[in-house]
Amino acid sequence: LTRGQLFVIANVAAGETRAADIARNLGISRQAVSQII
């Protein structure tokens, strides 16, 4: 997996379920997280 994919999976595994919250945690745009999702 790419680094971005790993960090999105880590956030989801930690209980984050919304793209906006994952984006905030990772410090990237919601659009970038939506693409990774």
PDB file of all heavy atoms in Angstrom:
ATOM      1  N   LEU A   1       0.849  -1.186   0.000  1.00  0.00           N
ATOM      2  CA  LEU A   1       0.000   0.000   0.000  1.00  0.00           C
ATOM      3  C   LEU A   1       0.886   1.236   0.000  1.00  0.00           C
ATOM      4  O   LEU A   1       2.020   1.193   0.479  1.00  0.00           O
ATOM      5  CB  LEU A   1      -0.880   0.020   1.255  1.00  0.00           C
ATOM      6  CG  LEU A   1      -1.854  -1.145   1.424  1.00  0.00           C
ATOM      7  CD1 LEU A   1      -2.426  -1.152   2.826  1.00  0.00           C
ATOM      8  CD2 LEU A   1      -2.957  -1.054   0.397  1.00  0.00           C
ATOM      9  N   THR A   2       0.355   2.343  -0.507  1.00  0.00           N
ATOM     10  CA  THR A   2       1.085   3.606  -0.427  1.00  0.00           C
ATOM     11  C   THR A   2       1.053   4.100   1.013  1.00  0.00           C
ATOM     12  O   THR A   2       0.250   3.641   1.839  1.00  0.00           O
ATOM     13  CB  THR A   2       0.456   4.673  -1.329  1.00  0.00           C
ATOM     14  OG1 THR A   2      -0.833   5.022  -0.801  1.00  0.00           O
ATOM     15  CG2 THR A   2       0.358   4.208  -2.780  1.00  0.00           C
ATOM     16  N   ARG A   3       1.898   5.062   1.315  1.00  0.00           N
ATOM     17  CA  ARG A   3       1.921   5.663   2.653  1.00  0.00           C
ATOM     18  C   ARG A   3       0.548   6.257   2.991  1.00  0.00           C
ATOM     19  O   ARG A   3       0.035   6.063   4.082  1.00  0.00           O
ATOM     20  CB  ARG A   3       3.005   6.731   2.713  1.00  0.00           C
ATOM     21  CG  ARG A   3       3.168   7.370   4.064  1.00  0.00           C
ATOM     22  CD  ARG A   3       4.227   8.483   3.996  1.00  0.00           C
ATOM     23  NE  ARG A   3       4.620   8.866   5.324  1.00  0.00           N
ATOM     24  CZ  ARG A   3       5.828   8.716   5.829  1.00  0.00           C
ATOM     25  NH1 ARG A   3       6.789   8.195   5.108  1.00  0.00           N
ATOM     26  NH2 ARG A   3       6.102   9.093   7.047  1.00  0.00           N
ATOM     27  N   GLY A   4      -0.049   6.958   2.051  1.00  0.00           N
ATOM     28  CA  GLY A   4      -1.365   7.545   2.277  1.00  0.00           C
ATOM     29  C   GLY A   4      -2.415   6.487   2.561  1.00  0.00           C
ATOM     30  O   GLY A   4      -3.245   6.643   3.462  1.00  0.00           O
ATOM     31  N   GLN A   5      -2.382   5.403   1.790  1.00  0.00           N
ATOM     32  CA  GLN A   5      -3.330   4.314   2.015  1.00  0.00           C
ATOM     33  C   GLN A   5      -3.130   3.693   3.392  1.00  0.00           C
ATOM     34  O   GLN A   5      -4.103   3.409   4.101  1.00  0.00           O
ATOM     35  CB  GLN A   5      -3.181   3.254   0.919  1.00  0.00           C
ATOM     36  CG  GLN A   5      -3.655   3.714  -0.433  1.00  0.00           C
ATOM     37  CD  GLN A   5      -3.266   2.770  -1.556  1.00  0.00           C
ATOM     38  OE1 GLN A   5      -2.326   1.995  -1.443  1.00  0.00           O
ATOM     39  NE2 GLN A   5      -3.986   2.858  -2.662  1.00  0.00           N
ATOM     40  N   LEU A   6      -1.880   3.488   3.788  1.00  0.00           N
ATOM     41  CA  LEU A   6      -1.600   2.930   5.124  1.00  0.00           C
ATOM     42  C   LEU A   6      -2.161   3.819   6.225  1.00  0.00           C
ATOM     43  O   LEU A   6      -2.769   3.337   7.181  1.00  0.00           O
ATOM     44  CB  LEU A   6      -0.093   2.752   5.332  1.00  0.00           C
ATOM     45  CG  LEU A   6       0.554   1.552   4.697  1.00  0.00           C
ATOM     46  CD1 LEU A   6       2.070   1.622   4.858  1.00  0.00           C
ATOM     47  CD2 LEU A   6       0.031   0.269   5.309  1.00  0.00           C
ATOM     48  N   PHE A   7      -1.950   5.127   6.088  1.00  0.00           N
ATOM     49  CA  PHE A   7      -2.406   6.029   7.135  1.00  0.00           C
ATOM     50  C   PHE A   7      -3.922   6.165   7.167  1.00  0.00           C
ATOM     51  O   PHE A   7      -4.506   6.350   8.239  1.00  0.00           O
ATOM     52  CB  PHE A   7      -1.714   7.390   7.034  1.00  0.00           C
ATOM     53  CG  PHE A   7      -0.272   7.346   7.474  1.00  0.00           C
ATOM     54  CD1 PHE A   7       0.713   7.960   6.738  1.00  0.00           C
ATOM     55  CD2 PHE A   7       0.100   6.674   8.633  1.00  0.00           C
ATOM     56  CE1 PHE A   7       2.044   7.927   7.141  1.00  0.00           C
ATOM     57  CE2 PHE A   7       1.424   6.625   9.046  1.00  0.00           C
ATOM     58  CZ  PHE A   7       2.401   7.250   8.298  1.00  0.00           C
ATOM     59  N   VAL A   8      -4.571   6.065   6.019  1.00  0.00           N
ATOM     60  CA  VAL A   8      -6.040   6.058   6.015  1.00  0.00           C
ATOM     61  C   VAL A   8      -6.535   4.789   6.696  1.00  0.00           C
ATOM     62  O   VAL A   8      -7.426   4.835   7.556  1.00  0.00           O
ATOM     63  CB  VAL A   8      -6.608   6.207   4.586  1.00  0.00           C
ATOM     64  CG1 VAL A   8      -8.105   5.892   4.559  1.00  0.00           C
ATOM     65  CG2 VAL A   8      -6.362   7.626   4.069  1.00  0.00           C
ATOM     66  N   ILE A   9      -5.961   3.640   6.350  1.00  0.00           N
ATOM     67  CA  ILE A   9      -6.360   2.390   6.995  1.00  0.00           C
ATOM     68  C   ILE A   9      -6.113   2.446   8.498  1.00  0.00           C
ATOM     69  O   ILE A   9      -6.958   2.015   9.288  1.00  0.00           O
ATOM     70  CB  ILE A   9      -5.632   1.189   6.352  1.00  0.00           C
ATOM     71  CG1 ILE A   9      -6.244   0.900   4.984  1.00  0.00           C
ATOM     72  CG2 ILE A   9      -5.718  -0.049   7.236  1.00  0.00           C
ATOM     73  CD1 ILE A   9      -5.538  -0.179   4.193  1.00  0.00           C
ATOM     74  N   ALA A  10      -4.979   3.001   8.919  1.00  0.00           N
ATOM     75  CA  ALA A  10      -4.689   3.116  10.346  1.00  0.00           C
ATOM     76  C   ALA A  10      -5.750   3.963  11.047  1.00  0.00           C
ATOM     77  O   ALA A  10      -6.202   3.635  12.146  1.00  0.00           O
ATOM     78  CB  ALA A  10      -3.300   3.710  10.570  1.00  0.00           C
ATOM     79  N   ASN A  11      -6.191   5.044  10.413  1.00  0.00           N
ATOM     80  CA  ASN A  11      -7.231   5.888  10.996  1.00  0.00           C
ATOM     81  C   ASN A  11      -8.559   5.155  11.082  1.00  0.00           C
ATOM     82  O   ASN A  11      -9.254   5.234  12.095  1.00  0.00           O
ATOM     83  CB  ASN A  11      -7.390   7.178  10.178  1.00  0.00           C
ATOM     84  CG  ASN A  11      -6.518   8.294  10.662  1.00  0.00           C
ATOM     85  OD1 ASN A  11      -6.958   9.135  11.424  1.00  0.00           O
ATOM     86  ND2 ASN A  11      -5.260   8.285  10.246  1.00  0.00           N
ATOM     87  N   VAL A  12      -8.920   4.440  10.024  1.00  0.00           N
ATOM     88  CA  VAL A  12     -10.180   3.697  10.028  1.00  0.00           C
ATOM     89  C   VAL A  12     -10.120   2.588  11.078  1.00  0.00           C
ATOM     90  O   VAL A  12     -11.076   2.381  11.831  1.00  0.00           O
ATOM     91  CB  VAL A  12     -10.511   3.146   8.619  1.00  0.00           C
ATOM     92  CG1 VAL A  12     -11.755   2.279   8.651  1.00  0.00           C
ATOM     93  CG2 VAL A  12     -10.693   4.300   7.629  1.00  0.00           C
ATOM     94  N   ALA A  13      -8.982   1.893  11.167  1.00  0.00           N
ATOM     95  CA  ALA A  13      -8.829   0.841  12.180  1.00  0.00           C
ATOM     96  C   ALA A  13      -8.917   1.409  13.593  1.00  0.00           C
ATOM     97  O   ALA A  13      -9.351   0.724  14.520  1.00  0.00           O
ATOM     98  CB  ALA A  13      -7.500   0.112  11.988  1.00  0.00           C
ATOM     99  N   ALA A  14      -8.538   2.689  13.759  1.00  0.00           N
ATOM    100  CA  ALA A  14      -8.611   3.344  15.066  1.00  0.00           C
ATOM    101  C   ALA A  14      -9.994   3.903  15.361  1.00  0.00           C
ATOM    102  O   ALA A  14     -10.224   4.493  16.412  1.00  0.00           O
ATOM    103  CB  ALA A  14      -7.574   4.466  15.150  1.00  0.00           C
ATOM    104  N   GLY A  15     -10.944   3.727  14.409  1.00  0.00           N
ATOM    105  CA  GLY A  15     -12.316   4.131  14.673  1.00  0.00           C
ATOM    106  C   GLY A  15     -12.814   5.339  13.916  1.00  0.00           C
ATOM    107  O   GLY A  15     -13.975   5.716  14.048  1.00  0.00           O
ATOM    108  N   GLU A  16     -11.951   5.983  13.118  1.00  0.00           N
ATOM    109  CA  GLU A  16     -12.418   7.119  12.313  1.00  0.00           C
ATOM    110  C   GLU A  16     -13.234   6.575  11.147  1.00  0.00           C
ATOM    111  O   GLU A  16     -12.821   5.631  10.483  1.00  0.00           O
ATOM    112  CB  GLU A  16     -11.243   7.941  11.785  1.00  0.00           C
ATOM    113  CG  GLU A  16     -10.457   8.650  12.856  1.00  0.00           C
ATOM    114  CD  GLU A  16     -11.218   9.737  13.594  1.00  0.00           C
ATOM    115  OE1 GLU A  16     -12.351  10.094  13.185  1.00  0.00           O
ATOM    116  OE2 GLU A  16     -10.686  10.227  14.598  1.00  0.00           O
ATOM    117  N   THR A  17     -14.388   7.161  10.893  1.00  0.00           N
ATOM    118  CA  THR A  17     -15.257   6.654   9.831  1.00  0.00           C
ATOM    119  C   THR A  17     -15.594   7.698   8.775  1.00  0.00           C
ATOM    120  O   THR A  17     -16.166   7.357   7.750  1.00  0.00           O
ATOM    121  CB  THR A  17     -16.581   6.133  10.421  1.00  0.00           C
ATOM    122  OG1 THR A  17     -17.237   7.196  11.114  1.00  0.00           O
ATOM    123  CG2 THR A  17     -16.348   4.955  11.353  1.00  0.00           C
ATOM    124  N   ARG A  18     -15.251   8.951   9.003  1.00  0.00           N
ATOM    125  CA  ARG A  18     -15.597  10.018   8.067  1.00  0.00           C
ATOM    126  C   ARG A  18     -14.351  10.597   7.418  1.00  0.00           C
ATOM    127  O   ARG A  18     -13.348  10.842   8.087  1.00  0.00           O
ATOM    128  CB  ARG A  18     -16.339  11.142   8.785  1.00  0.00           C
ATOM    129  CG  ARG A  18     -17.685  10.701   9.321  1.00  0.00           C
ATOM    130  CD  ARG A  18     -18.332  11.794  10.132  1.00  0.00           C
ATOM    131  NE  ARG A  18     -19.645  11.379  10.555  1.00  0.00           N
ATOM    132  CZ  ARG A  18     -20.723  12.125  10.433  1.00  0.00           C
ATOM    133  NH1 ARG A  18     -20.642  13.335   9.923  1.00  0.00           N
ATOM    134  NH2 ARG A  18     -21.888  11.664  10.828  1.00  0.00           N
ATOM    135  N   ALA A  19     -14.441  10.836   6.110  1.00  0.00           N
ATOM    136  CA  ALA A  19     -13.308  11.358   5.352  1.00  0.00           C
ATOM    137  C   ALA A  19     -12.797  12.672   5.930  1.00  0.00           C
ATOM    138  O   ALA A  19     -11.588  12.897   5.998  1.00  0.00           O
ATOM    139  CB  ALA A  19     -13.689  11.527   3.881  1.00  0.00           C
ATOM    140  N   ALA A  20     -13.701  13.548   6.355  1.00  0.00           N
ATOM    141  CA  ALA A  20     -13.285  14.848   6.886  1.00  0.00           C
ATOM    142  C   ALA A  20     -12.427  14.681   8.139  1.00  0.00           C
ATOM    143  O   ALA A  20     -11.422  15.391   8.311  1.00  0.00           O
ATOM    144  CB  ALA A  20     -14.502  15.708   7.195  1.00  0.00           C
ATOM    145  N   ASP A  21     -12.797  13.740   9.016  1.00  0.00           N
ATOM    146  CA  ASP A  21     -12.020  13.511  10.240  1.00  0.00           C
ATOM    147  C   ASP A  21     -10.660  12.895   9.922  1.00  0.00           C
ATOM    148  O   ASP A  21      -9.645  13.254  10.520  1.00  0.00           O
ATOM    149  CB  ASP A  21     -12.799  12.611  11.200  1.00  0.00           C
ATOM    150  CG  ASP A  21     -14.072  13.262  11.695  1.00  0.00           C
ATOM    151  OD1 ASP A  21     -14.122  14.511  11.780  1.00  0.00           O
ATOM    152  OD2 ASP A  21     -15.037  12.529  11.994  1.00  0.00           O
ATOM    153  N   ILE A  22     -10.643  11.978   8.956  1.00  0.00           N
ATOM    154  CA  ILE A  22      -9.382  11.352   8.549  1.00  0.00           C
ATOM    155  C   ILE A  22      -8.466  12.411   7.931  1.00  0.00           C
ATOM    156  O   ILE A  22      -7.274  12.478   8.244  1.00  0.00           O
ATOM    157  CB  ILE A  22      -9.642  10.194   7.569  1.00  0.00           C
ATOM    158  CG1 ILE A  22     -10.415   9.067   8.272  1.00  0.00           C
ATOM    159  CG2 ILE A  22      -8.325   9.674   6.986  1.00  0.00           C
ATOM    160  CD1 ILE A  22     -10.967   8.002   7.342  1.00  0.00           C
ATOM    161  N   ALA A  23      -9.020  13.255   7.082  1.00  0.00           N
ATOM    162  CA  ALA A  23      -8.239  14.324   6.450  1.00  0.00           C
ATOM    163  C   ALA A  23      -7.640  15.251   7.499  1.00  0.00           C
ATOM    164  O   ALA A  23      -6.461  15.623   7.418  1.00  0.00           O
ATOM    165  CB  ALA A  23      -9.117  15.110   5.473  1.00  0.00           C
ATOM    166  N   ARG A  24      -8.434  15.614   8.487  1.00  0.00           N
ATOM    167  CA  ARG A  24      -7.945  16.495   9.554  1.00  0.00           C
ATOM    168  C   ARG A  24      -6.802  15.818  10.314  1.00  0.00           C
ATOM    169  O   ARG A  24      -5.785  16.435  10.600  1.00  0.00           O
ATOM    170  CB  ARG A  24      -9.103  16.858  10.488  1.00  0.00           C
ATOM    171  CG  ARG A  24      -8.758  17.898  11.527  1.00  0.00           C
ATOM    172  CD  ARG A  24      -9.942  18.385  12.375  1.00  0.00           C
ATOM    173  NE  ARG A  24     -11.082  17.500  12.492  1.00  0.00           N
ATOM    174  CZ  ARG A  24     -12.199  17.550  11.727  1.00  0.00           C
ATOM    175  NH1 ARG A  24     -12.310  18.451  10.781  1.00  0.00           N
ATOM    176  NH2 ARG A  24     -13.197  16.714  11.931  1.00  0.00           N
ATOM    177  N   ASN A  25      -6.956  14.538  10.636  1.00  0.00           N
ATOM    178  CA  ASN A  25      -5.912  13.809  11.355  1.00  0.00           C
ATOM    179  C   ASN A  25      -4.608  13.728  10.559  1.00  0.00           C
ATOM    180  O   ASN A  25      -3.520  13.778  11.140  1.00  0.00           O
ATOM    181  CB  ASN A  25      -6.367  12.385  11.685  1.00  0.00           C
ATOM    182  CG  ASN A  25      -7.412  12.335  12.751  1.00  0.00           C
ATOM    183  OD1 ASN A  25      -7.661  13.297  13.465  1.00  0.00           O
ATOM    184  ND2 ASN A  25      -8.066  11.193  12.873  1.00  0.00           N
ATOM    185  N   LEU A  26      -4.737  13.586   9.239  1.00  0.00           N
ATOM    186  CA  LEU A  26      -3.554  13.422   8.395  1.00  0.00           C
ATOM    187  C   LEU A  26      -3.001  14.744   7.884  1.00  0.00           C
ATOM    188  O   LEU A  26      -1.915  14.780   7.309  1.00  0.00           O
ATOM    189  CB  LEU A  26      -3.873  12.500   7.214  1.00  0.00           C
ATOM    190  CG  LEU A  26      -4.248  11.069   7.581  1.00  0.00           C
ATOM    191  CD1 LEU A  26      -4.569  10.270   6.322  1.00  0.00           C
ATOM    192  CD2 LEU A  26      -3.132  10.403   8.367  1.00  0.00           C
ATOM    193  N   GLY A  27      -3.765  15.814   8.049  1.00  0.00           N
ATOM    194  CA  GLY A  27      -3.301  17.112   7.573  1.00  0.00           C
ATOM    195  C   GLY A  27      -3.292  17.228   6.056  1.00  0.00           C
ATOM    196  O   GLY A  27      -2.444  17.908   5.488  1.00  0.00           O
ATOM    197  N   ILE A  28      -4.238  16.539   5.412  1.00  0.00           N
ATOM    198  CA  ILE A  28      -4.363  16.623   3.956  1.00  0.00           C
ATOM    199  C   ILE A  28      -5.808  16.964   3.612  1.00  0.00           C
ATOM    200  O   ILE A  28      -6.681  16.940   4.468  1.00  0.00           O
ATOM    201  CB  ILE A  28      -3.905  15.330   3.254  1.00  0.00           C
ATOM    202  CG1 ILE A  28      -4.746  14.114   3.680  1.00  0.00           C
ATOM    203  CG2 ILE A  28      -2.424  15.073   3.513  1.00  0.00           C
ATOM    204  CD1 ILE A  28      -4.388  12.822   2.956  1.00  0.00           C
ATOM    205  N   SER A  29      -6.042  17.261   2.351  1.00  0.00           N
ATOM    206  CA  SER A  29      -7.386  17.685   1.945  1.00  0.00           C
ATOM    207  C   SER A  29      -8.379  16.527   1.981  1.00  0.00           C
ATOM    208  O   SER A  29      -8.003  15.358   1.862  1.00  0.00           O
ATOM    209  CB  SER A  29      -7.347  18.279   0.533  1.00  0.00           C
ATOM    210  OG  SER A  29      -7.143  17.254  -0.421  1.00  0.00           O
ATOM    211  N   ARG A  30      -9.643  16.893   2.123  1.00  0.00           N
ATOM    212  CA  ARG A  30     -10.714  15.899   2.086  1.00  0.00           C
ATOM    213  C   ARG A  30     -10.774  15.228   0.717  1.00  0.00           C
ATOM    214  O   ARG A  30     -11.060  14.041   0.610  1.00  0.00           O
ATOM    215  CB  ARG A  30     -12.041  16.576   2.431  1.00  0.00           C
ATOM    216  CG  ARG A  30     -13.031  15.633   3.032  1.00  0.00           C
ATOM    217  CD  ARG A  30     -14.212  16.316   3.609  1.00  0.00           C
ATOM    218  NE  ARG A  30     -14.653  17.458   2.814  1.00  0.00           N
ATOM    219  CZ  ARG A  30     -15.613  18.267   3.169  1.00  0.00           C
ATOM    220  NH1 ARG A  30     -16.248  18.073   4.286  1.00  0.00           N
ATOM    221  NH2 ARG A  30     -15.971  19.268   2.411  1.00  0.00           N
ATOM    222  N   GLN A  31     -10.460  15.994  -0.329  1.00  0.00           N
ATOM    223  CA  GLN A  31     -10.453  15.431  -1.672  1.00  0.00           C
ATOM    224  C   GLN A  31      -9.376  14.353  -1.804  1.00  0.00           C
ATOM    225  O   GLN A  31      -9.604  13.311  -2.421  1.00  0.00           O
ATOM    226  CB  GLN A  31     -10.232  16.534  -2.725  1.00  0.00           C
ATOM    227  CG  GLN A  31     -11.375  17.493  -2.856  1.00  0.00           C
ATOM    228  CD  GLN A  31     -11.387  18.578  -1.752  1.00  0.00           C
ATOM    229  OE1 GLN A  31     -10.466  18.694  -0.951  1.00  0.00           O
ATOM    230  NE2 GLN A  31     -12.457  19.360  -1.721  1.00  0.00           N
ATOM    231  N   ALA A  32      -8.191  14.602  -1.221  1.00  0.00           N
ATOM    232  CA  ALA A  32      -7.114  13.608  -1.271  1.00  0.00           C
ATOM    233  C   ALA A  32      -7.523  12.340  -0.533  1.00  0.00           C
ATOM    234  O   ALA A  32      -7.296  11.222  -1.008  1.00  0.00           O
ATOM    235  CB  ALA A  32      -5.829  14.180  -0.684  1.00  0.00           C
ATOM    236  N   VAL A  33      -8.159  12.504   0.635  1.00  0.00           N
ATOM    237  CA  VAL A  33      -8.616  11.341   1.390  1.00  0.00           C
ATOM    238  C   VAL A  33      -9.704  10.610   0.619  1.00  0.00           C
ATOM    239  O   VAL A  33      -9.708   9.373   0.566  1.00  0.00           O
ATOM    240  CB  VAL A  33      -9.094  11.744   2.804  1.00  0.00           C
ATOM    241  CG1 VAL A  33      -9.835  10.608   3.491  1.00  0.00           C
ATOM    242  CG2 VAL A  33      -7.912  12.191   3.646  1.00  0.00           C
ATOM    243  N   SER A  34     -10.611  11.344  -0.008  1.00  0.00           N
ATOM    244  CA  SER A  34     -11.666  10.710  -0.800  1.00  0.00           C
ATOM    245  C   SER A  34     -11.078   9.891  -1.940  1.00  0.00           C
ATOM    246  O   SER A  34     -11.557   8.792  -2.244  1.00  0.00           O
ATOM    247  CB  SER A  34     -12.633  11.756  -1.349  1.00  0.00           C
ATOM    248  OG  SER A  34     -13.350  12.345  -0.289  1.00  0.00           O
ATOM    249  N   GLN A  35     -10.018  10.393  -2.570  1.00  0.00           N
ATOM    250  CA  GLN A  35      -9.355   9.649  -3.643  1.00  0.00           C
ATOM    251  C   GLN A  35      -8.729   8.368  -3.090  1.00  0.00           C
ATOM    252  O   GLN A  35      -8.850   7.293  -3.686  1.00  0.00           O
ATOM    253  CB  GLN A  35      -8.291  10.511  -4.314  1.00  0.00           C
ATOM    254  CG  GLN A  35      -7.562   9.786  -5.435  1.00  0.00           C
ATOM    255  CD  GLN A  35      -6.521  10.664  -6.110  1.00  0.00           C
ATOM    256  OE1 GLN A  35      -6.511  11.880  -5.969  1.00  0.00           O
ATOM    257  NE2 GLN A  35      -5.642  10.025  -6.858  1.00  0.00           N
ATOM    258  N   ILE A  36      -8.060   8.464  -1.945  1.00  0.00           N
ATOM    259  CA  ILE A  36      -7.448   7.285  -1.324  1.00  0.00           C
ATOM    260  C   ILE A  36      -8.525   6.286  -0.926  1.00  0.00           C
ATOM    261  O   ILE A  36      -8.371   5.074  -1.134  1.00  0.00           O
ATOM    262  CB  ILE A  36      -6.576   7.693  -0.123  1.00  0.00           C
ATOM    263  CG1 ILE A  36      -5.373   8.502  -0.587  1.00  0.00           C
ATOM    264  CG2 ILE A  36      -6.135   6.461   0.664  1.00  0.00           C
ATOM    265  CD1 ILE A  36      -4.588   9.171   0.533  1.00  0.00           C
ATOM    266  N   ILE A  37      -9.629   6.768  -0.383  1.00  0.00           N
ATOM    267  CA  ILE A  37     -10.739   5.890  -0.005  1.00  0.00           C
ATOM    268  C   ILE A  37     -11.276   5.166  -1.236  1.00  0.00           C
ATOM    269  O   ILE A  37     -11.536   3.956  -1.191  1.00  0.00           O
ATOM    270  CB  ILE A  37     -11.841   6.685   0.727  1.00  0.00           C
ATOM    271  CG1 ILE A  37     -11.361   7.062   2.140  1.00  0.00           C
ATOM    272  CG2 ILE A  37     -13.148   5.899   0.777  1.00  0.00           C
ATOM    273  CD1 ILE A  37     -12.263   8.041   2.866  1.00  0.00           C
TER     274      ILE A  37
END
